[in-house]
Amino acid sequence: MRRWTIGIVAILALALCGPAASLAACSDYPAPGVDWSGCSKVNRLMAGDDFRNANLTDADLSRSDLTGANFAGANMTKIDLSRSILSGANLAGALLDHATLDRADLTAADLRNANLDRASFDRADLTRAKLTGSHMQRAEFGRASLVEADLSGGDLTGAFLARADLRGANVEGANLKNATLQLADLRGTDLTGALNLTSGQLEGTCGNAMTRLPQGVAPPAAWECSGRE
């Protein structure tokens, strides 16, 4: 009888400790495969930390220093990285669908083959970022800097690029079907290799004599570049 009582107590203890154990993951240190799903890590210094294949679903890492951090293959669906510093970070192959990266610093970050569908990059700095082969369907890049970014082979179907700075960006093989380019800066950008770009999408954009367009796509009657340096 005593053994049965001890066994029941042990089972109850494990049942009660189960939720606590899952919550305790939020106190774990950054490491490959760490489970920080739903955790709040706002305004943290985590430059260079290794988050490869981590579970960061719905986590809040906003306003944090993640310079050079490694997020390769991590699940970052619905993560909040707004105003965080991710310059030089490795996010290759990461799942960032529905993520929030508004005003984040992603200069020279590696986002190759990442899933960025419906992610928000409002006013983010993606200068020289690598986005080769990334899925960016309906992603929000309003007023973002994509200067010299590599978007080649990416899927930007339905993406919002209004007022985005695309000067010198590589869009070879990028799918721009139904992408919004209103007031986007295309000066000096080579768009000859872009897929599914139409003349209508160029209405209201800013370009110049150095802007190159695909065969059969006509420039607007006048480029909207007022106030641009």
Foldseek 3Di string as FASTA:
>chain_A
DVVVVVVVVVVVVCVVCVVVVLVCLLVDDQDAQREQDCAEQEAEEQAQGEHDQYEHHLYEHANYEHDQYEHDNHEHDQYEHANYEHDNYEHDQYEHDNYEHAQYEHDQYEHDQYEHDQYEHHQYEHDQYEHALYEHDQYEQHLYECALYECDNYEHANHEQDNYEHANYHHANYECHNYAHAQYAQELPEAQRYPNDALVNQVNYAYDPNYHHHPPHDHDPDHPQPPHD
